Amino acid sequence: MARRRTKTNRYKKPASHRRGRLAALCRAAAVCGGFLVLFSVTGYAFLWMYDTAVHASCFTARSVEVSGNVRLTKQEILDRAGVAVGQNVLSVRLGQARERLLADPWIARATVRRQLPDKISIEVSEHVPMAVLDLGERFLMDTRGEIFKRAGAGECENLPMVRGLAFSDVTVAGQKPTPVYGAVVDFLRARRQTDWVLPGSVVSEIRVDRDLGLTVVAGRPAVAVHLGFDRFAEKLVRLHHVLDLNQGQGLRVKSVDLMDPDRVVIRPWGT
């Protein structure tokens, strides 16, 4: 009589295989646990070292250098940055100090650095006002042609007042300016380069006409200088020669038309 063959279960793993897999899992868990312990110990060590460093006397700020400030005092810069002599250099949050400085409307750019072991340096660049824009409210324009703050009491002295612009004429950085706004910025930059012709204290007003361009009111008694939209540096040099010539003749000038610098029209008082 033939013996009956028994079938083996192909899906049932041998006991030795299961024990090997369990051992591998235990080893992997042990390695992960070891890494976690190592990371925890390392993190704790770094925290301990940082805490020790921020309380170490060798990292106490013995000086804080401030550069680039003109309008703001050194103490005002330190107060805005939240930095002071005697503070631990490593405890200063450089990014936070920089953001606090940039929150001041007069500060255009700021950099805060550590100079280990005991020094902090702050470098700022302030906005330089070039004119006051009368847009219903008065605003300060800087040398880049950007509005950076409302004009406060005493901040308009020796700055020309620009009238005739609208809010829609003002553009943000990177955008192409409107023709009238671009003409104002171009004239103000040309005037800064030829300050010997029309010093800031002499120019009292810049009137903007969308069809005729710019008219500058300057001097005492006031002289109206019609400049149009372009070639301002050339026209200012020509104005200097015209005014010199007429002063020599004792003529009191009421207006000068420089729309075309090759054809200057002078109107004296009494005409």
Foldseek 3Di string as FASTA:
>chain_A
DDDDDDDDDPPDDDPVVVVVVVVVVVVVVVVVVVVVVVVVVVVVVVVVVLVCQQPDPQQFAQEEAEDQDDPDDPVRLCVQLVDDGRGGLSVRDFVSSQVSNVVPLQWDGKGWDGDPRHYIYIYTHGFAFQAWEPAVFIFTAGLVLATRGGDDPPRHALHAYEDDDHPVQHDDPPDDGDQQSVQVSVLSNLCVVPCVQAPSNFWHYWYQDPVQHIWTWGDVVTETERAGRDPNNVQSVLSSVVVVVVVVVVFAWRYWYVPPVVDIDTDTPPD
